[in-house]
Amino acid sequence: MTPQQEAFAWLVGGQKMPLYRAYLEAYKVTGPSVASAMRESSRLNKNKKVHERIVEISQETARKYHWSLERVIDSYTFLHDESKTDIVTHGIRKATADAMLQSLEDITDVLGLKQSSKAQIRKATAEAKIAEAKAKEIQKVNQHDDSTLIVNDLEDTDNGG
């Protein structure tokens, strides 16, 4: 790896700097534009050796500070519980409510729960569109008594079929 690639990896993996900013810093001698940095930083992050180094540095940093998924969740849970206790004890205040909601949002992010919720929403939306299309077809049949409509309601939609 070049010295610039190593610097980029340290800035992203160790400092948690956004890719484009890390690129601007690591390659400041060449003076890249922001647009160029955004494009090139993405390309550089896809480089196998650079990406592996970023992951390695991130893991070293996490070990150095004794961070783990369990510890992160414990910290967010603590914030949530303290906020909830404060709300019960002193009533709802904006700062406390915001802290509680933010901790919940962060927990769902860390655990990846938002992605599964998005998938459920997509599935429900698709099923609603299918039901709407079937209803329209039934309306068409009701308007034309001489036509026949076959609707397969026996399909198992949960198993993709």
C-alpha atoms as a PDB file:
ATOM      1  CA  MET A   1       0.000   0.000   0.000  1.00  0.00           C
ATOM      2  CA  THR A   2       1.115   3.548  -0.652  1.00  0.00           C
ATOM      3  CA  PRO A   3       1.606   5.994   2.232  1.00  0.00           C
ATOM      4  CA  GLN A   4      -1.532   7.864   1.090  1.00  0.00           C
ATOM      5  CA  GLN A   5      -3.581   4.638   1.138  1.00  0.00           C
ATOM      6  CA  GLU A   6      -2.308   3.845   4.643  1.00  0.00           C
ATOM      7  CA  ALA A   7      -3.170   7.367   5.822  1.00  0.00           C
ATOM      8  CA  PHE A   8      -6.630   7.017   4.244  1.00  0.00           C
ATOM      9  CA  ALA A   9      -7.136   3.675   6.036  1.00  0.00           C
ATOM     10  CA  TRP A  10      -6.095   5.175   9.393  1.00  0.00           C
ATOM     11  CA  LEU A  11      -8.369   8.163   8.997  1.00  0.00           C
ATOM     12  CA  VAL A  12     -11.377   6.002   8.062  1.00  0.00           C
ATOM     13  CA  GLY A  13     -10.707   3.018  10.329  1.00  0.00           C
ATOM     14  CA  GLY A  14      -9.204   4.741  13.355  1.00  0.00           C
ATOM     15  CA  GLN A  15     -10.665   8.239  13.257  1.00  0.00           C
ATOM     16  CA  LYS A  16     -14.044   7.236  11.747  1.00  0.00           C
ATOM     17  CA  MET A  17     -13.697  10.083   9.271  1.00  0.00           C
ATOM     18  CA  PRO A  18     -16.079  10.082   6.281  1.00  0.00           C
ATOM     19  CA  LEU A  19     -14.463   8.596   3.166  1.00  0.00           C
ATOM     20  CA  TYR A  20     -14.308  11.794   1.132  1.00  0.00           C
ATOM     21  CA  ARG A  21     -12.799  13.808   4.013  1.00  0.00           C
ATOM     22  CA  ALA A  22     -10.214  11.108   4.660  1.00  0.00           C
ATOM     23  CA  TYR A  23      -9.319  11.163   0.968  1.00  0.00           C
ATOM     24  CA  LEU A  24      -8.984  14.967   0.982  1.00  0.00           C
ATOM     25  CA  GLU A  25      -6.656  14.722   3.992  1.00  0.00           C
ATOM     26  CA  ALA A  26      -4.579  11.753   2.791  1.00  0.00           C
ATOM     27  CA  TYR A  27      -4.138  13.169  -0.705  1.00  0.00           C
ATOM     28  CA  LYS A  28      -3.947  16.873   0.185  1.00  0.00           C
ATOM     29  CA  VAL A  29      -0.582  17.183  -1.596  1.00  0.00           C
ATOM     30  CA  THR A  30      -2.364  16.646  -4.930  1.00  0.00           C
ATOM     31  CA  GLY A  31      -5.202  19.005  -3.942  1.00  0.00           C
ATOM     32  CA  PRO A  32      -8.233  16.980  -5.072  1.00  0.00           C
ATOM     33  CA  SER A  33     -11.599  18.686  -5.451  1.00  0.00           C
ATOM     34  CA  VAL A  34     -14.481  17.590  -3.233  1.00  0.00           C
ATOM     35  CA  ALA A  35     -16.211  15.961  -6.236  1.00  0.00           C
ATOM     36  CA  SER A  36     -13.037  14.099  -7.121  1.00  0.00           C
ATOM     37  CA  ALA A  37     -12.522  13.077  -3.474  1.00  0.00           C
ATOM     38  CA  MET A  38     -16.061  11.707  -3.248  1.00  0.00           C
ATOM     39  CA  ARG A  39     -15.596   9.628  -6.395  1.00  0.00           C
ATOM     40  CA  GLU A  40     -12.044   8.461  -5.684  1.00  0.00           C
ATOM     41  CA  SER A  41     -12.626   7.728  -1.981  1.00  0.00           C
ATOM     42  CA  SER A  42     -15.430   5.348  -2.885  1.00  0.00           C
ATOM     43  CA  ARG A  43     -13.189   3.643  -5.448  1.00  0.00           C
ATOM     44  CA  LEU A  44     -10.312   3.454  -2.954  1.00  0.00           C
ATOM     45  CA  ASN A  45     -12.579   1.956  -0.275  1.00  0.00           C
ATOM     46  CA  LYS A  46     -13.448  -0.845  -2.738  1.00  0.00           C
ATOM     47  CA  ASN A  47      -9.762  -1.708  -3.140  1.00  0.00           C
ATOM     48  CA  LYS A  48      -9.427  -5.067  -1.358  1.00  0.00           C
ATOM     49  CA  LYS A  49      -6.125  -4.307   0.430  1.00  0.00           C
ATOM     50  CA  VAL A  50      -7.252  -0.842   1.541  1.00  0.00           C
ATOM     51  CA  HIS A  51     -10.631  -2.093   2.748  1.00  0.00           C
ATOM     52  CA  GLU A  52      -9.034  -4.976   4.681  1.00  0.00           C
ATOM     53  CA  ARG A  53      -6.661  -2.484   6.311  1.00  0.00           C
ATOM     54  CA  ILE A  54      -9.582  -0.229   7.293  1.00  0.00           C
ATOM     55  CA  VAL A  55     -11.341  -3.201   8.900  1.00  0.00           C
ATOM     56  CA  GLU A  56      -8.144  -4.233  10.688  1.00  0.00           C
ATOM     57  CA  ILE A  57      -7.601  -0.709  12.058  1.00  0.00           C
ATOM     58  CA  SER A  58     -11.266  -0.474  13.130  1.00  0.00           C
ATOM     59  CA  GLN A  59     -10.948  -3.746  15.030  1.00  0.00           C
ATOM     60  CA  GLU A  60      -7.688  -2.635  16.668  1.00  0.00           C
ATOM     61  CA  THR A  61      -9.311   0.622  17.739  1.00  0.00           C
ATOM     62  CA  ALA A  62     -12.341  -1.196  19.149  1.00  0.00           C
ATOM     63  CA  ARG A  63     -10.087  -3.577  21.117  1.00  0.00           C
ATOM     64  CA  LYS A  64      -8.003  -0.671  22.379  1.00  0.00           C
ATOM     65  CA  TYR A  65     -11.065   0.960  23.883  1.00  0.00           C
ATOM     66  CA  HIS A  66     -12.683  -2.362  24.851  1.00  0.00           C
ATOM     67  CA  TRP A  67     -15.726  -1.774  22.655  1.00  0.00           C
ATOM     68  CA  SER A  68     -17.924  -4.641  21.569  1.00  0.00           C
ATOM     69  CA  LEU A  69     -21.461  -4.936  20.254  1.00  0.00           C
ATOM     70  CA  GLU A  70     -22.623  -6.029  23.700  1.00  0.00           C
ATOM     71  CA  ARG A  71     -20.984  -3.031  25.369  1.00  0.00           C
ATOM     72  CA  VAL A  72     -22.471  -0.610  22.845  1.00  0.00           C
ATOM     73  CA  ILE A  73     -25.956  -2.064  23.371  1.00  0.00           C
ATOM     74  CA  ASP A  74     -25.477  -1.922  27.141  1.00  0.00           C
ATOM     75  CA  SER A  75     -24.562   1.776  26.921  1.00  0.00           C
ATOM     76  CA  TYR A  76     -27.571   2.616  24.759  1.00  0.00           C
ATOM     77  CA  THR A  77     -29.828   0.570  27.038  1.00  0.00           C
ATOM     78  CA  PHE A  78     -28.481   2.459  30.056  1.00  0.00           C
ATOM     79  CA  LEU A  79     -29.273   5.796  28.361  1.00  0.00           C
ATOM     80  CA  HIS A  80     -32.755   4.573  27.458  1.00  0.00           C
ATOM     81  CA  ASP A  81     -33.478   3.316  30.977  1.00  0.00           C
ATOM     82  CA  GLU A  82     -32.174   6.487  32.651  1.00  0.00           C
ATOM     83  CA  SER A  83     -34.247   8.655  30.314  1.00  0.00           C
ATOM     84  CA  LYS A  84     -37.341   6.554  30.971  1.00  0.00           C
ATOM     85  CA  THR A  85     -36.813   6.777  34.744  1.00  0.00           C
ATOM     86  CA  ASP A  86     -36.402  10.549  34.501  1.00  0.00           C
ATOM     87  CA  ILE A  87     -39.627  10.820  32.486  1.00  0.00           C
ATOM     88  CA  VAL A  88     -41.544   8.727  35.037  1.00  0.00           C
ATOM     89  CA  THR A  89     -40.063  10.671  37.959  1.00  0.00           C
ATOM     90  CA  HIS A  90     -40.101  14.229  36.632  1.00  0.00           C
ATOM     91  CA  GLY A  91     -42.481  14.132  33.684  1.00  0.00           C
ATOM     92  CA  ILE A  92     -41.741  14.501  30.004  1.00  0.00           C
ATOM     93  CA  ARG A  93     -39.167  17.081  29.072  1.00  0.00           C
ATOM     94  CA  LYS A  94     -37.923  17.578  25.534  1.00  0.00           C
ATOM     95  CA  ALA A  95     -34.269  16.769  26.254  1.00  0.00           C
ATOM     96  CA  THR A  96     -35.139  13.572  28.113  1.00  0.00           C
ATOM     97  CA  ALA A  97     -37.648  12.434  25.520  1.00  0.00           C
ATOM     98  CA  ASP A  98     -35.131  13.161  22.746  1.00  0.00           C
ATOM     99  CA  ALA A  99     -32.449  11.163  24.572  1.00  0.00           C
ATOM    100  CA  MET A 100     -34.792   8.217  25.026  1.00  0.00           C
ATOM    101  CA  LEU A 101     -35.916   8.229  21.392  1.00  0.00           C
ATOM    102  CA  GLN A 102     -32.352   8.629  20.124  1.00  0.00           C
ATOM    103  CA  SER A 103     -31.185   5.685  22.232  1.00  0.00           C
ATOM    104  CA  LEU A 104     -33.963   3.524  20.770  1.00  0.00           C
ATOM    105  CA  GLU A 105     -33.064   4.602  17.249  1.00  0.00           C
ATOM    106  CA  ASP A 106     -29.386   3.850  17.878  1.00  0.00           C
ATOM    107  CA  ILE A 107     -30.170   0.406  19.317  1.00  0.00           C
ATOM    108  CA  THR A 108     -32.269  -0.489  16.264  1.00  0.00           C
ATOM    109  CA  ASP A 109     -29.454   0.743  13.989  1.00  0.00           C
ATOM    110  CA  VAL A 110     -26.783  -1.296  15.774  1.00  0.00           C
ATOM    111  CA  LEU A 111     -28.917  -4.442  15.794  1.00  0.00           C
ATOM    112  CA  GLY A 112     -30.003  -3.982  12.178  1.00  0.00           C
ATOM    113  CA  LEU A 113     -33.694  -3.958  13.103  1.00  0.00           C
ATOM    114  CA  LYS A 114     -34.488  -1.064  10.766  1.00  0.00           C
ATOM    115  CA  GLN A 115     -33.589  -3.153   7.732  1.00  0.00           C
ATOM    116  CA  SER A 116     -36.009  -5.923   8.691  1.00  0.00           C
ATOM    117  CA  SER A 117     -38.725  -3.330   9.308  1.00  0.00           C
ATOM    118  CA  LYS A 118     -38.120  -1.853   5.864  1.00  0.00           C
ATOM    119  CA  ALA A 119     -38.458  -5.314   4.330  1.00  0.00           C
ATOM    120  CA  GLN A 120     -41.753  -5.862   6.160  1.00  0.00           C
ATOM    121  CA  ILE A 121     -43.048  -2.510   4.920  1.00  0.00           C
ATOM    122  CA  ARG A 122     -42.058  -3.377   1.326  1.00  0.00           C
ATOM    123  CA  LYS A 123     -43.819  -6.734   1.609  1.00  0.00           C
ATOM    124  CA  ALA A 124     -46.988  -5.178   3.059  1.00  0.00           C
ATOM    125  CA  THR A 125     -46.990  -2.524   0.336  1.00  0.00           C
ATOM    126  CA  ALA A 126     -46.613  -5.156  -2.380  1.00  0.00           C
ATOM    127  CA  GLU A 127     -49.412  -7.263  -0.886  1.00  0.00           C
ATOM    128  CA  ALA A 128     -51.675  -4.192  -0.740  1.00  0.00           C
ATOM    129  CA  LYS A 129     -50.991  -3.458  -4.413  1.00  0.00           C
ATOM    130  CA  ILE A 130     -51.791  -7.056  -5.338  1.00  0.00           C
ATOM    131  CA  ALA A 131     -55.049  -6.917  -3.357  1.00  0.00           C
ATOM    132  CA  GLU A 132     -55.951  -3.628  -5.053  1.00  0.00           C
ATOM    133  CA  ALA A 133     -55.287  -5.110  -8.492  1.00  0.00           C
ATOM    134  CA  LYS A 134     -57.464  -8.145  -7.679  1.00  0.00           C
ATOM    135  CA  ALA A 135     -60.249  -5.838  -6.475  1.00  0.00           C
ATOM    136  CA  LYS A 136     -60.104  -3.880  -9.737  1.00  0.00           C
ATOM    137  CA  GLU A 137     -60.344  -7.105 -11.725  1.00  0.00           C
ATOM    138  CA  ILE A 138     -63.378  -8.176  -9.707  1.00  0.00           C
ATOM    139  CA  GLN A 139     -64.988  -4.783 -10.376  1.00  0.00           C
ATOM    140  CA  LYS A 140     -64.401  -5.255 -14.106  1.00  0.00           C
ATOM    141  CA  VAL A 141     -66.068  -8.673 -13.968  1.00  0.00           C
ATOM    142  CA  ASN A 142     -69.041  -7.262 -12.073  1.00  0.00           C
ATOM    143  CA  GLN A 143     -69.472  -4.679 -14.814  1.00  0.00           C
ATOM    144  CA  HIS A 144     -69.392  -7.378 -17.519  1.00  0.00           C
ATOM    145  CA  ASP A 145     -71.571 -10.281 -16.454  1.00  0.00           C
ATOM    146  CA  ASP A 146     -70.560 -12.384 -19.465  1.00  0.00           C
ATOM    147  CA  SER A 147     -66.870 -12.660 -18.475  1.00  0.00           C
ATOM    148  CA  THR A 148     -65.153 -15.079 -16.107  1.00  0.00           C
ATOM    149  CA  LEU A 149     -62.462 -14.227 -13.549  1.00  0.00           C
ATOM    150  CA  ILE A 150     -60.148 -16.780 -11.989  1.00  0.00           C
ATOM    151  CA  VAL A 151     -58.462 -15.648  -8.772  1.00  0.00           C
ATOM    152  CA  ASN A 152     -55.962 -17.896  -7.041  1.00  0.00           C
ATOM    153  CA  ASP A 153     -56.446 -17.116  -3.350  1.00  0.00           C
ATOM    154  CA  LEU A 154     -54.841 -20.386  -2.316  1.00  0.00           C
ATOM    155  CA  GLU A 155     -51.291 -19.244  -3.002  1.00  0.00           C
ATOM    156  CA  ASP A 156     -48.958 -19.216  -0.011  1.00  0.00           C
ATOM    157  CA  THR A 157     -47.653 -15.640  -0.098  1.00  0.00           C
ATOM    158  CA  ASP A 158     -45.372 -16.137   2.940  1.00  0.00           C
ATOM    159  CA  ASN A 159     -43.245 -18.700   1.102  1.00  0.00           C
ATOM    160  CA  GLY A 160     -42.775 -16.725  -2.086  1.00  0.00           C
ATOM    161  CA  GLY A 161     -45.345 -18.685  -4.073  1.00  0.00           C
END
